[in-house]
Amino acid sequence: MTHSSKGTFDRAAVIGAGAWGTALAQVCARAGLSTTLWAREAEVVASVNEAHENRLFLPGVELDPAIAGTGDFADLAGSDLVLMVAPAQHLRATLSAFAPHAREGLPVLLCAKGVEQGSLKLMTEVLAETLPQAAPAVLSGPSFAGEVARGLPTAVTLACPDEALGRALAEAIALPAFRPYYAPDMVGAEVGGAIKNVLAIACGVVEGRGLGRSAHAALITRGFAEMTRLAVALGGKPETVAGLCGLGDLVLTCSSPQSRNMSVGLALGGGQTLEQALAGTLSVAEGVASAPAVRQLAAKVGVETPICEAVAAILAGEVAVDAAIEGLLSRPLKDEREDLE
């Protein structure tokens, strides 16, 4: 392939072939990049290569025949950029396995949203520890995999501290219907993506309990305040969180039962146990794993996140749904803006 309009990027590797990874491989291929999709499951590799479909994680969506599936990290050795889409709790192990094949300065676009359990680290911190030679960037925003894979219009944030690289990456994967907006602040982008999954579970609970649209709107708004507080405490910028990767993603994930996190909340609000809520789903609801880590991280940096705390407590079985809701409703009244100053 020539270097034409896509600059210095010719070969893209997408690591993680769940629904979102598959959709991003579709984006890369449509953008004219030679695209290899790494999957853990042999049946996914076969399905992508033979049927041009990911029957396990994104059934019914026809994939660009140019996408090559592989289960071998060695096949990714010559890549110009990597989109890392392994789930947040598996990122460290996946990066470590890929590390021997990563060249110095390789741009790695982190596409999973979450906080690592145990270490309480953001994905960029995990990358810095496992692949220090990489050039980090974060891709986050309101995006459903099926819609992106089908070419429906989507806008996301592409955050990168190196502005020239960030803009070049955005240019490389941009399509008329897939628009990455550049931002310099990776922390804000990451916190937005991690917390919105936890808040989406809360919104599902409110919906499942039939508490109404007013409660739903209040929860999104107060949840957004929690997201902003935590991002700022960790060194992020409030304006990043007010963009696509924070507010935008929050609105989408908290308003659509097709969101995996919201559907878990709906089930919990409807009286199911967490085991029942997660039964039979192949896809990862990142918020379930991130909730306890977000709660611990907020406590560590001294930030109040009552909604995230309530979700973590519900998921851990420490408190019943109704008691958690009652606890939130009985919190002391305060000025709306005092916690954002």
C-alpha atoms as a PDB file:
ATOM      1  CA  MET A   1       0.000   0.000   0.000  1.00  0.00           C
ATOM      2  CA  THR A   2       1.214   3.526  -0.674  1.00  0.00           C
ATOM      3  CA  HIS A   3       1.736   6.124   2.022  1.00  0.00           C
ATOM      4  CA  SER A   4      -0.855   8.338   0.337  1.00  0.00           C
ATOM      5  CA  SER A   5      -3.291  10.268   2.516  1.00  0.00           C
ATOM      6  CA  LYS A   6      -2.747   8.137   5.608  1.00  0.00           C
ATOM      7  CA  GLY A   7       0.759   9.393   6.275  1.00  0.00           C
ATOM      8  CA  THR A   8       3.258   6.964   7.760  1.00  0.00           C
ATOM      9  CA  PHE A   9       0.713   4.380   8.872  1.00  0.00           C
ATOM     10  CA  ASP A  10       0.174   1.424   6.559  1.00  0.00           C
ATOM     11  CA  ARG A  11      -0.225  -1.596   8.840  1.00  0.00           C
ATOM     12  CA  ALA A  12      -2.628  -1.657  11.761  1.00  0.00           C
ATOM     13  CA  ALA A  13      -2.825  -4.414  14.371  1.00  0.00           C
ATOM     14  CA  VAL A  14      -5.979  -4.751  16.453  1.00  0.00           C
ATOM     15  CA  ILE A  15      -5.432  -6.856  19.587  1.00  0.00           C
ATOM     16  CA  GLY A  16      -8.642  -8.261  21.070  1.00  0.00           C
ATOM     17  CA  ALA A  17     -11.435  -9.509  18.846  1.00  0.00           C
ATOM     18  CA  GLY A  18     -14.506  -8.894  20.960  1.00  0.00           C
ATOM     19  CA  ALA A  19     -17.275  -6.792  19.436  1.00  0.00           C
ATOM     20  CA  TRP A  20     -15.399  -3.501  19.874  1.00  0.00           C
ATOM     21  CA  GLY A  21     -12.057  -4.805  18.600  1.00  0.00           C
ATOM     22  CA  THR A  22     -13.788  -6.264  15.566  1.00  0.00           C
ATOM     23  CA  ALA A  23     -15.560  -2.970  14.867  1.00  0.00           C
ATOM     24  CA  LEU A  24     -12.259  -1.075  15.128  1.00  0.00           C
ATOM     25  CA  ALA A  25     -10.613  -3.537  12.721  1.00  0.00           C
ATOM     26  CA  GLN A  26     -13.448  -2.737  10.319  1.00  0.00           C
ATOM     27  CA  VAL A  27     -12.706   1.003  10.754  1.00  0.00           C
ATOM     28  CA  CYS A  28      -8.980   0.487  10.066  1.00  0.00           C
ATOM     29  CA  ALA A  29      -9.629  -1.614   6.972  1.00  0.00           C
ATOM     30  CA  ARG A  30     -12.116   0.917   5.593  1.00  0.00           C
ATOM     31  CA  ALA A  31      -9.572   3.668   6.239  1.00  0.00           C
ATOM     32  CA  GLY A  32      -7.220   1.868   3.863  1.00  0.00           C
ATOM     33  CA  LEU A  33      -4.888   0.325   6.422  1.00  0.00           C
ATOM     34  CA  SER A  34      -3.631  -3.218   6.047  1.00  0.00           C
ATOM     35  CA  THR A  35      -5.364  -4.693   9.109  1.00  0.00           C
ATOM     36  CA  THR A  36      -4.624  -7.767  11.220  1.00  0.00           C
ATOM     37  CA  LEU A  37      -7.034  -8.725  14.008  1.00  0.00           C
ATOM     38  CA  TRP A  38      -5.562 -10.805  16.856  1.00  0.00           C
ATOM     39  CA  ALA A  39      -8.020 -13.080  18.676  1.00  0.00           C
ATOM     40  CA  ARG A  40      -7.533 -15.378  21.652  1.00  0.00           C
ATOM     41  CA  GLU A  41     -10.157 -17.805  20.310  1.00  0.00           C
ATOM     42  CA  ALA A  42      -9.207 -20.029  17.378  1.00  0.00           C
ATOM     43  CA  GLU A  43     -12.839 -20.136  16.222  1.00  0.00           C
ATOM     44  CA  VAL A  44     -12.886 -16.329  15.919  1.00  0.00           C
ATOM     45  CA  VAL A  45      -9.719 -16.359  13.790  1.00  0.00           C
ATOM     46  CA  ALA A  46     -11.278 -18.987  11.528  1.00  0.00           C
ATOM     47  CA  SER A  47     -14.598 -17.150  11.335  1.00  0.00           C
ATOM     48  CA  VAL A  48     -12.912 -13.844  10.389  1.00  0.00           C
ATOM     49  CA  ASN A  49     -10.681 -15.423   7.751  1.00  0.00           C
ATOM     50  CA  GLU A  50     -13.190 -17.839   6.206  1.00  0.00           C
ATOM     51  CA  ALA A  51     -16.602 -16.199   6.663  1.00  0.00           C
ATOM     52  CA  HIS A  52     -15.526 -12.529   7.024  1.00  0.00           C
ATOM     53  CA  GLU A  53     -17.666 -12.345  10.125  1.00  0.00           C
ATOM     54  CA  ASN A  54     -17.025 -12.591  13.869  1.00  0.00           C
ATOM     55  CA  ARG A  55     -19.808 -15.060  14.598  1.00  0.00           C
ATOM     56  CA  LEU A  56     -18.975 -15.294  18.294  1.00  0.00           C
ATOM     57  CA  PHE A  57     -18.869 -11.602  19.281  1.00  0.00           C
ATOM     58  CA  LEU A  58     -20.369  -9.591  16.412  1.00  0.00           C
ATOM     59  CA  PRO A  59     -22.700 -11.925  14.520  1.00  0.00           C
ATOM     60  CA  GLY A  60     -24.550 -10.691  11.460  1.00  0.00           C
ATOM     61  CA  VAL A  61     -22.056  -7.980  10.522  1.00  0.00           C
ATOM     62  CA  GLU A  62     -20.180  -8.498   7.270  1.00  0.00           C
ATOM     63  CA  LEU A  63     -16.500  -7.677   7.746  1.00  0.00           C
ATOM     64  CA  ASP A  64     -14.122  -6.180   5.210  1.00  0.00           C
ATOM     65  CA  PRO A  65     -12.493  -9.197   3.500  1.00  0.00           C
ATOM     66  CA  ALA A  66      -9.129  -7.433   3.823  1.00  0.00           C
ATOM     67  CA  ILE A  67      -9.127  -8.010   7.613  1.00  0.00           C
ATOM     68  CA  ALA A  68      -6.777 -10.899   8.430  1.00  0.00           C
ATOM     69  CA  GLY A  69      -7.405 -12.861  11.627  1.00  0.00           C
ATOM     70  CA  THR A  70      -4.533 -14.362  13.618  1.00  0.00           C
ATOM     71  CA  GLY A  71      -3.859 -15.941  16.983  1.00  0.00           C
ATOM     72  CA  ASP A  72      -0.103 -15.356  16.800  1.00  0.00           C
ATOM     73  CA  PHE A  73       1.459 -12.134  18.121  1.00  0.00           C
ATOM     74  CA  ALA A  74       4.445 -12.680  15.801  1.00  0.00           C
ATOM     75  CA  ASP A  75       2.160 -11.804  12.876  1.00  0.00           C
ATOM     76  CA  LEU A  76       1.843  -8.280  14.307  1.00  0.00           C
ATOM     77  CA  ALA A  77       5.593  -7.609  14.424  1.00  0.00           C
ATOM     78  CA  GLY A  78       5.745  -5.131  11.530  1.00  0.00           C
ATOM     79  CA  SER A  79       2.741  -3.040  12.549  1.00  0.00           C
ATOM     80  CA  ASP A  80       2.826   0.769  12.315  1.00  0.00           C
ATOM     81  CA  LEU A  81       0.168   1.194  14.978  1.00  0.00           C
ATOM     82  CA  VAL A  82      -1.605  -1.041  17.459  1.00  0.00           C
ATOM     83  CA  LEU A  83      -5.160  -0.710  18.736  1.00  0.00           C
ATOM     84  CA  MET A  84      -5.206  -2.503  22.095  1.00  0.00           C
ATOM     85  CA  VAL A  85      -8.751  -3.678  22.798  1.00  0.00           C
ATOM     86  CA  ALA A  86      -8.214  -6.479  25.341  1.00  0.00           C
ATOM     87  CA  PRO A  87     -10.579  -5.995  28.330  1.00  0.00           C
ATOM     88  CA  ALA A  88      -9.167  -3.763  31.074  1.00  0.00           C
ATOM     89  CA  GLN A  89      -8.530  -6.588  33.562  1.00  0.00           C
ATOM     90  CA  HIS A  90      -6.651  -8.607  30.904  1.00  0.00           C
ATOM     91  CA  LEU A  91      -4.638  -5.708  29.486  1.00  0.00           C
ATOM     92  CA  ARG A  92      -1.456  -6.316  31.499  1.00  0.00           C
ATOM     93  CA  ALA A  93      -1.192 -10.003  30.550  1.00  0.00           C
ATOM     94  CA  THR A  94      -1.984  -9.279  26.891  1.00  0.00           C
ATOM     95  CA  LEU A  95       0.556  -6.444  26.633  1.00  0.00           C
ATOM     96  CA  SER A  96       3.213  -8.607  28.290  1.00  0.00           C
ATOM     97  CA  ALA A  97       2.610 -11.372  25.745  1.00  0.00           C
ATOM     98  CA  PHE A  98       2.777  -8.906  22.850  1.00  0.00           C
ATOM     99  CA  ALA A  99       5.823  -7.003  24.186  1.00  0.00           C
ATOM    100  CA  PRO A 100       8.557  -9.039  22.414  1.00  0.00           C
ATOM    101  CA  HIS A 101       7.050  -8.000  19.056  1.00  0.00           C
ATOM    102  CA  ALA A 102       6.724  -4.258  19.766  1.00  0.00           C
ATOM    103  CA  ARG A 103       9.297  -1.919  18.244  1.00  0.00           C
ATOM    104  CA  GLU A 104      10.623   1.226  19.914  1.00  0.00           C
ATOM    105  CA  GLY A 105       8.161   4.125  19.608  1.00  0.00           C
ATOM    106  CA  LEU A 106       5.274   1.955  18.398  1.00  0.00           C
ATOM    107  CA  PRO A 107       2.021   3.947  18.776  1.00  0.00           C
ATOM    108  CA  VAL A 108      -0.389   1.983  20.991  1.00  0.00           C
ATOM    109  CA  LEU A 109      -3.955   3.236  21.027  1.00  0.00           C
ATOM    110  CA  LEU A 110      -5.656   2.021  24.229  1.00  0.00           C
ATOM    111  CA  CYS A 111      -9.306   1.223  23.542  1.00  0.00           C
ATOM    112  CA  ALA A 112     -10.419  -0.601  26.716  1.00  0.00           C
ATOM    113  CA  LYS A 113     -12.107   1.348  29.508  1.00  0.00           C
ATOM    114  CA  GLY A 114     -11.456   0.580  33.137  1.00  0.00           C
ATOM    115  CA  VAL A 115      -9.309   0.692  36.252  1.00  0.00           C
ATOM    116  CA  GLU A 116      -7.096  -2.320  36.994  1.00  0.00           C
ATOM    117  CA  GLN A 117      -8.115  -4.208  40.112  1.00  0.00           C
ATOM    118  CA  GLY A 118      -5.439  -4.519  42.766  1.00  0.00           C
ATOM    119  CA  SER A 119      -3.040  -1.914  41.365  1.00  0.00           C
ATOM    120  CA  LEU A 120      -5.820   0.713  40.877  1.00  0.00           C
ATOM    121  CA  LYS A 121      -3.969   1.823  37.753  1.00  0.00           C
ATOM    122  CA  LEU A 122      -5.357   3.402  34.590  1.00  0.00           C
ATOM    123  CA  MET A 123      -4.693   1.656  31.280  1.00  0.00           C
ATOM    124  CA  THR A 124      -1.964   4.169  30.320  1.00  0.00           C
ATOM    125  CA  GLU A 125      -0.116   3.323  33.550  1.00  0.00           C
ATOM    126  CA  VAL A 126      -0.370  -0.402  32.801  1.00  0.00           C
ATOM    127  CA  LEU A 127       1.012   0.291  29.307  1.00  0.00           C
ATOM    128  CA  ALA A 128       3.919   2.338  30.714  1.00  0.00           C
ATOM    129  CA  GLU A 129       4.866  -0.585  32.975  1.00  0.00           C
ATOM    130  CA  THR A 130       4.526  -3.401  30.450  1.00  0.00           C
ATOM    131  CA  LEU A 131       5.545  -1.690  27.189  1.00  0.00           C
ATOM    132  CA  PRO A 132       7.592   1.392  28.156  1.00  0.00           C
ATOM    133  CA  GLN A 133       8.945   1.757  24.622  1.00  0.00           C
ATOM    134  CA  ALA A 134       5.460   2.413  23.199  1.00  0.00           C
ATOM    135  CA  ALA A 135       4.003   5.829  22.337  1.00  0.00           C
ATOM    136  CA  PRO A 136       0.679   5.912  24.226  1.00  0.00           C
ATOM    137  CA  ALA A 137      -2.707   7.231  23.101  1.00  0.00           C
ATOM    138  CA  VAL A 138      -6.298   6.664  24.236  1.00  0.00           C
ATOM    139  CA  LEU A 139      -9.403   6.167  22.084  1.00  0.00           C
ATOM    140  CA  SER A 140     -12.665   6.653  23.953  1.00  0.00           C
ATOM    141  CA  GLY A 141     -16.150   7.954  23.293  1.00  0.00           C
ATOM    142  CA  PRO A 142     -19.814   7.140  22.722  1.00  0.00           C
ATOM    143  CA  SER A 143     -19.649   4.161  20.408  1.00  0.00           C
ATOM    144  CA  PHE A 144     -21.611   0.921  20.095  1.00  0.00           C
ATOM    145  CA  ALA A 145     -19.604  -1.732  18.283  1.00  0.00           C
ATOM    146  CA  GLY A 146     -22.426  -2.895  16.027  1.00  0.00           C
ATOM    147  CA  GLU A 147     -23.167   0.656  14.870  1.00  0.00           C
ATOM    148  CA  VAL A 148     -19.508   1.451  14.182  1.00  0.00           C
ATOM    149  CA  ALA A 149     -19.004  -1.837  12.319  1.00  0.00           C
ATOM    150  CA  ARG A 150     -22.033  -1.087  10.138  1.00  0.00           C
ATOM    151  CA  GLY A 151     -20.683   2.361   9.310  1.00  0.00           C
ATOM    152  CA  LEU A 152     -23.194   4.468  11.268  1.00  0.00           C
ATOM    153  CA  PRO A 153     -21.944   7.950  12.223  1.00  0.00           C
ATOM    154  CA  THR A 154     -19.776   8.007  15.373  1.00  0.00           C
ATOM    155  CA  ALA A 155     -17.483  10.594  16.966  1.00  0.00           C
ATOM    156  CA  VAL A 156     -14.836   9.751  19.580  1.00  0.00           C
ATOM    157  CA  THR A 157     -11.966  11.366  21.475  1.00  0.00           C
ATOM    158  CA  LEU A 158      -8.400  10.450  20.558  1.00  0.00           C
ATOM    159  CA  ALA A 159      -6.176  11.604  23.425  1.00  0.00           C
ATOM    160  CA  CYS A 160      -2.398  11.752  23.087  1.00  0.00           C
ATOM    161  CA  PRO A 161       0.201  13.931  24.838  1.00  0.00           C
ATOM    162  CA  ASP A 162       2.220  14.113  21.587  1.00  0.00           C
ATOM    163  CA  GLU A 163       0.008  16.369  19.484  1.00  0.00           C
ATOM    164  CA  ALA A 164       1.649  15.593  16.131  1.00  0.00           C
ATOM    165  CA  LEU A 165       1.299  11.852  16.732  1.00  0.00           C
ATOM    166  CA  GLY A 166      -2.256  12.213  18.053  1.00  0.00           C
ATOM    167  CA  ARG A 167      -3.394  14.156  15.003  1.00  0.00           C
ATOM    168  CA  ALA A 168      -1.635  11.701  12.663  1.00  0.00           C
ATOM    169  CA  LEU A 169      -3.354   8.751  14.364  1.00  0.00           C
ATOM    170  CA  ALA A 170      -6.737  10.486  14.137  1.00  0.00           C
ATOM    171  CA  GLU A 171      -6.115  11.118  10.440  1.00  0.00           C
ATOM    172  CA  ALA A 172      -5.072   7.487   9.880  1.00  0.00           C
ATOM    173  CA  ILE A 173      -8.296   5.952  11.226  1.00  0.00           C
ATOM    174  CA  ALA A 174     -10.779   8.689  10.312  1.00  0.00           C
ATOM    175  CA  LEU A 175     -13.700   7.941   8.001  1.00  0.00           C
ATOM    176  CA  PRO A 176     -16.615  10.131   6.930  1.00  0.00           C
ATOM    177  CA  ALA A 177     -18.734   8.253   9.512  1.00  0.00           C
ATOM    178  CA  PHE A 178     -16.002   7.747  12.140  1.00  0.00           C
ATOM    179  CA  ARG A 179     -14.591  11.008  13.447  1.00  0.00           C
ATOM    180  CA  PRO A 180     -11.830  11.059  16.075  1.00  0.00           C
ATOM    181  CA  TYR A 181     -11.446  14.450  17.789  1.00  0.00           C
ATOM    182  CA  TYR A 182      -7.962  15.165  19.159  1.00  0.00           C
ATOM    183  CA  ALA A 183      -7.350  16.001  22.844  1.00  0.00           C
ATOM    184  CA  PRO A 184      -4.021  16.150  24.728  1.00  0.00           C
ATOM    185  CA  ASP A 185      -5.363  14.797  28.038  1.00  0.00           C
ATOM    186  CA  MET A 186      -5.160  11.004  28.358  1.00  0.00           C
ATOM    187  CA  VAL A 187      -6.102  10.941  32.066  1.00  0.00           C
ATOM    188  CA  GLY A 188      -9.392  12.793  31.507  1.00  0.00           C
ATOM    189  CA  ALA A 189     -10.236  10.493  28.588  1.00  0.00           C
ATOM    190  CA  GLU A 190      -9.459   7.387  30.634  1.00  0.00           C
ATOM    191  CA  VAL A 191     -11.352   8.400  33.761  1.00  0.00           C
ATOM    192  CA  GLY A 192     -14.395   9.305  31.675  1.00  0.00           C
ATOM    193  CA  GLY A 193     -14.428   5.889  30.023  1.00  0.00           C
ATOM    194  CA  ALA A 194     -13.843   3.952  33.243  1.00  0.00           C
ATOM    195  CA  ILE A 195     -16.432   5.705  35.402  1.00  0.00           C
ATOM    196  CA  LYS A 196     -19.220   5.871  32.847  1.00  0.00           C
ATOM    197  CA  ASN A 197     -19.397   2.068  32.862  1.00  0.00           C
ATOM    198  CA  VAL A 198     -19.969   2.072  36.632  1.00  0.00           C
ATOM    199  CA  LEU A 199     -22.566   4.852  36.344  1.00  0.00           C
ATOM    200  CA  ALA A 200     -24.344   2.947  33.557  1.00  0.00           C
ATOM    201  CA  ILE A 201     -24.928   0.082  36.003  1.00  0.00           C
ATOM    202  CA  ALA A 202     -26.483   2.631  38.397  1.00  0.00           C
ATOM    203  CA  CYS A 203     -28.717   3.976  35.619  1.00  0.00           C
ATOM    204  CA  GLY A 204     -29.813   0.445  34.801  1.00  0.00           C
ATOM    205  CA  VAL A 205     -30.716  -0.133  38.452  1.00  0.00           C
ATOM    206  CA  VAL A 206     -32.815   3.061  38.495  1.00  0.00           C
ATOM    207  CA  GLU A 207     -34.557   1.962  35.303  1.00  0.00           C
ATOM    208  CA  GLY A 208     -35.031  -1.614  36.533  1.00  0.00           C
ATOM    209  CA  ARG A 209     -36.584  -0.300  39.744  1.00  0.00           C
ATOM    210  CA  GLY A 210     -38.972   1.913  37.775  1.00  0.00           C
ATOM    211  CA  LEU A 211     -37.816   5.117  39.498  1.00  0.00           C
ATOM    212  CA  GLY A 212     -38.592   7.278  36.464  1.00  0.00           C
ATOM    213  CA  ARG A 213     -36.915   9.584  33.958  1.00  0.00           C
ATOM    214  CA  SER A 214     -36.327  12.411  36.446  1.00  0.00           C
ATOM    215  CA  ALA A 215     -34.265  10.128  38.692  1.00  0.00           C
ATOM    216  CA  HIS A 216     -32.404   8.877  35.606  1.00  0.00           C
ATOM    217  CA  ALA A 217     -31.489  12.439  34.558  1.00  0.00           C
ATOM    218  CA  ALA A 218     -30.437  13.353  38.098  1.00  0.00           C
ATOM    219  CA  LEU A 219     -28.230  10.287  38.299  1.00  0.00           C
ATOM    220  CA  ILE A 220     -26.456  11.065  35.001  1.00  0.00           C
ATOM    221  CA  THR A 221     -25.855  14.660  36.111  1.00  0.00           C
ATOM    222  CA  ARG A 222     -24.602  13.838  39.606  1.00  0.00           C
ATOM    223  CA  GLY A 223     -22.598  10.946  38.191  1.00  0.00           C
ATOM    224  CA  PHE A 224     -20.963  13.347  35.768  1.00  0.00           C
ATOM    225  CA  ALA A 225     -19.943  15.492  38.767  1.00  0.00           C
ATOM    226  CA  GLU A 226     -18.275  12.412  40.325  1.00  0.00           C
ATOM    227  CA  MET A 227     -16.481  11.660  37.057  1.00  0.00           C
ATOM    228  CA  THR A 228     -15.198  15.240  36.832  1.00  0.00           C
ATOM    229  CA  ARG A 229     -14.007  15.313  40.458  1.00  0.00           C
ATOM    230  CA  LEU A 230     -12.052  12.093  40.104  1.00  0.00           C
ATOM    231  CA  ALA A 231     -10.522  13.069  36.745  1.00  0.00           C
ATOM    232  CA  VAL A 232      -9.322  16.406  38.134  1.00  0.00           C
ATOM    233  CA  ALA A 233      -7.923  14.752  41.285  1.00  0.00           C
ATOM    234  CA  LEU A 234      -5.878  12.412  39.082  1.00  0.00           C
ATOM    235  CA  GLY A 235      -4.538  15.260  36.932  1.00  0.00           C
ATOM    236  CA  GLY A 236      -7.110  15.307  34.131  1.00  0.00           C
ATOM    237  CA  LYS A 237      -8.921  18.344  32.764  1.00  0.00           C
ATOM    238  CA  PRO A 238     -12.634  19.071  33.322  1.00  0.00           C
ATOM    239  CA  GLU A 239     -13.043  20.126  29.672  1.00  0.00           C
ATOM    240  CA  THR A 240     -11.863  16.682  28.489  1.00  0.00           C
ATOM    241  CA  VAL A 241     -14.490  14.966  30.637  1.00  0.00           C
ATOM    242  CA  ALA A 242     -17.124  17.395  29.319  1.00  0.00           C
ATOM    243  CA  GLY A 243     -16.389  16.072  25.812  1.00  0.00           C
ATOM    244  CA  LEU A 244     -17.147  12.896  23.881  1.00  0.00           C
ATOM    245  CA  CYS A 245     -15.037  10.601  26.093  1.00  0.00           C
ATOM    246  CA  GLY A 246     -16.842  11.629  29.297  1.00  0.00           C
ATOM    247  CA  LEU A 247     -20.242  13.245  28.985  1.00  0.00           C
ATOM    248  CA  GLY A 248     -20.842  11.855  25.491  1.00  0.00           C
ATOM    249  CA  ASP A 249     -20.062   8.298  26.503  1.00  0.00           C
ATOM    250  CA  LEU A 250     -22.057   8.670  29.731  1.00  0.00           C
ATOM    251  CA  VAL A 251     -25.187   9.788  27.866  1.00  0.00           C
ATOM    252  CA  LEU A 252     -24.972   6.882  25.406  1.00  0.00           C
ATOM    253  CA  THR A 253     -24.193   4.146  27.919  1.00  0.00           C
ATOM    254  CA  CYS A 254     -26.764   5.318  30.468  1.00  0.00           C
ATOM    255  CA  SER A 255     -29.580   5.646  27.956  1.00  0.00           C
ATOM    256  CA  SER A 256     -29.407   2.419  25.983  1.00  0.00           C
ATOM    257  CA  PRO A 257     -30.409  -1.014  27.276  1.00  0.00           C
ATOM    258  CA  GLN A 258     -28.096  -2.445  24.577  1.00  0.00           C
ATOM    259  CA  SER A 259     -25.206  -1.189  26.728  1.00  0.00           C
ATOM    260  CA  ARG A 260     -23.789  -4.243  28.507  1.00  0.00           C
ATOM    261  CA  ASN A 261     -23.252  -2.287  31.709  1.00  0.00           C
ATOM    262  CA  MET A 262     -26.739  -0.814  31.736  1.00  0.00           C
ATOM    263  CA  SER A 263     -28.281  -4.221  31.059  1.00  0.00           C
ATOM    264  CA  VAL A 264     -26.483  -5.615  34.135  1.00  0.00           C
ATOM    265  CA  GLY A 265     -28.003  -2.761  36.180  1.00  0.00           C
ATOM    266  CA  LEU A 266     -31.452  -3.398  34.689  1.00  0.00           C
ATOM    267  CA  ALA A 267     -31.231  -7.032  35.798  1.00  0.00           C
ATOM    268  CA  LEU A 268     -30.074  -6.060  39.316  1.00  0.00           C
ATOM    269  CA  GLY A 269     -32.814  -3.428  39.572  1.00  0.00           C
ATOM    270  CA  GLY A 270     -35.308  -6.063  38.485  1.00  0.00           C
ATOM    271  CA  GLY A 271     -34.335  -8.296  41.397  1.00  0.00           C
ATOM    272  CA  GLN A 272     -31.776 -10.622  39.815  1.00  0.00           C
ATOM    273  CA  THR A 273     -28.507 -11.546  41.518  1.00  0.00           C
ATOM    274  CA  LEU A 274     -25.214 -10.505  39.912  1.00  0.00           C
ATOM    275  CA  GLU A 275     -24.645 -14.130  38.850  1.00  0.00           C
ATOM    276  CA  GLN A 276     -28.021 -14.180  37.109  1.00  0.00           C
ATOM    277  CA  ALA A 277     -27.375 -10.778  35.528  1.00  0.00           C
ATOM    278  CA  LEU A 278     -24.075 -11.958  34.043  1.00  0.00           C
ATOM    279  CA  ALA A 279     -25.233 -15.457  33.058  1.00  0.00           C
ATOM    280  CA  GLY A 280     -25.101 -16.288  29.381  1.00  0.00           C
ATOM    281  CA  THR A 281     -23.211 -13.164  28.273  1.00  0.00           C
ATOM    282  CA  LEU A 282     -19.994 -13.578  26.336  1.00  0.00           C
ATOM    283  CA  SER A 283     -19.150  -9.885  26.325  1.00  0.00           C
ATOM    284  CA  VAL A 284     -17.460  -8.224  29.272  1.00  0.00           C
ATOM    285  CA  ALA A 285     -19.365  -5.625  31.287  1.00  0.00           C
ATOM    286  CA  GLU A 286     -16.286  -3.597  32.230  1.00  0.00           C
ATOM    287  CA  GLY A 287     -18.148  -1.668  34.938  1.00  0.00           C
ATOM    288  CA  VAL A 288     -18.564  -4.795  37.078  1.00  0.00           C
ATOM    289  CA  ALA A 289     -14.794  -5.250  37.339  1.00  0.00           C
ATOM    290  CA  SER A 290     -14.016  -1.532  37.504  1.00  0.00           C
ATOM    291  CA  ALA A 291     -16.534  -0.577  40.227  1.00  0.00           C
ATOM    292  CA  PRO A 292     -14.508  -1.875  43.210  1.00  0.00           C
ATOM    293  CA  ALA A 293     -11.300  -0.419  41.732  1.00  0.00           C
ATOM    294  CA  VAL A 294     -12.963   2.978  41.125  1.00  0.00           C
ATOM    295  CA  ARG A 295     -14.261   2.975  44.713  1.00  0.00           C
ATOM    296  CA  GLN A 296     -10.775   2.246  46.102  1.00  0.00           C
ATOM    297  CA  LEU A 297      -9.068   4.734  43.783  1.00  0.00           C
ATOM    298  CA  ALA A 298     -11.484   7.538  44.748  1.00  0.00           C
ATOM    299  CA  ALA A 299     -10.918   6.779  48.450  1.00  0.00           C
ATOM    300  CA  LYS A 300      -7.149   6.786  47.893  1.00  0.00           C
ATOM    301  CA  VAL A 301      -7.179  10.287  46.354  1.00  0.00           C
ATOM    302  CA  GLY A 302      -9.852  11.567  48.750  1.00  0.00           C
ATOM    303  CA  VAL A 303     -12.679  12.139  46.264  1.00  0.00           C
ATOM    304  CA  GLU A 304     -16.357  11.589  47.100  1.00  0.00           C
ATOM    305  CA  THR A 305     -18.070   9.293  44.575  1.00  0.00           C
ATOM    306  CA  PRO A 306     -21.297   8.231  46.321  1.00  0.00           C
ATOM    307  CA  ILE A 307     -22.945   6.757  43.212  1.00  0.00           C
ATOM    308  CA  CYS A 308     -19.884   4.698  42.251  1.00  0.00           C
ATOM    309  CA  GLU A 309     -19.547   3.603  45.886  1.00  0.00           C
ATOM    310  CA  ALA A 310     -23.181   2.492  45.951  1.00  0.00           C
ATOM    311  CA  VAL A 311     -22.715   0.451  42.743  1.00  0.00           C
ATOM    312  CA  ALA A 312     -19.571  -1.207  44.136  1.00  0.00           C
ATOM    313  CA  ALA A 313     -21.435  -2.034  47.364  1.00  0.00           C
ATOM    314  CA  ILE A 314     -24.406  -3.527  45.457  1.00  0.00           C
ATOM    315  CA  LEU A 315     -22.084  -5.624  43.245  1.00  0.00           C
ATOM    316  CA  ALA A 316     -20.137  -6.855  46.276  1.00  0.00           C
ATOM    317  CA  GLY A 317     -23.367  -7.896  48.004  1.00  0.00           C
ATOM    318  CA  GLU A 318     -22.692  -5.491  50.880  1.00  0.00           C
ATOM    319  CA  VAL A 319     -26.004  -3.702  50.496  1.00  0.00           C
ATOM    320  CA  ALA A 320     -29.392  -4.398  48.903  1.00  0.00           C
ATOM    321  CA  VAL A 321     -30.498  -2.283  45.941  1.00  0.00           C
ATOM    322  CA  ASP A 322     -33.262  -0.471  47.846  1.00  0.00           C
ATOM    323  CA  ALA A 323     -30.997   0.304  50.790  1.00  0.00           C
ATOM    324  CA  ALA A 324     -28.334   1.690  48.435  1.00  0.00           C
ATOM    325  CA  ILE A 325     -30.904   3.942  46.742  1.00  0.00           C
ATOM    326  CA  GLU A 326     -32.219   5.086  50.115  1.00  0.00           C
ATOM    327  CA  GLY A 327     -28.651   5.872  51.212  1.00  0.00           C
ATOM    328  CA  LEU A 328     -28.110   8.073  48.164  1.00  0.00           C
ATOM    329  CA  LEU A 329     -31.434   9.887  48.652  1.00  0.00           C
ATOM    330  CA  SER A 330     -30.734  10.623  52.307  1.00  0.00           C
ATOM    331  CA  ARG A 331     -27.336  12.261  51.771  1.00  0.00           C
ATOM    332  CA  PRO A 332     -27.033  15.797  53.206  1.00  0.00           C
ATOM    333  CA  LEU A 333     -28.138  18.592  50.871  1.00  0.00           C
ATOM    334  CA  LYS A 334     -25.448  20.855  49.500  1.00  0.00           C
ATOM    335  CA  ASP A 335     -24.800  23.497  46.844  1.00  0.00           C
ATOM    336  CA  GLU A 336     -24.826  22.001  43.373  1.00  0.00           C
ATOM    337  CA  ARG A 337     -21.469  23.440  42.295  1.00  0.00           C
ATOM    338  CA  GLU A 338     -19.490  23.289  45.537  1.00  0.00           C
ATOM    339  CA  ASP A 339     -17.915  19.948  44.704  1.00  0.00           C
ATOM    340  CA  LEU A 340     -16.603  21.084  41.325  1.00  0.00           C
ATOM    341  CA  GLU A 341     -14.813  24.244  42.377  1.00  0.00           C
END
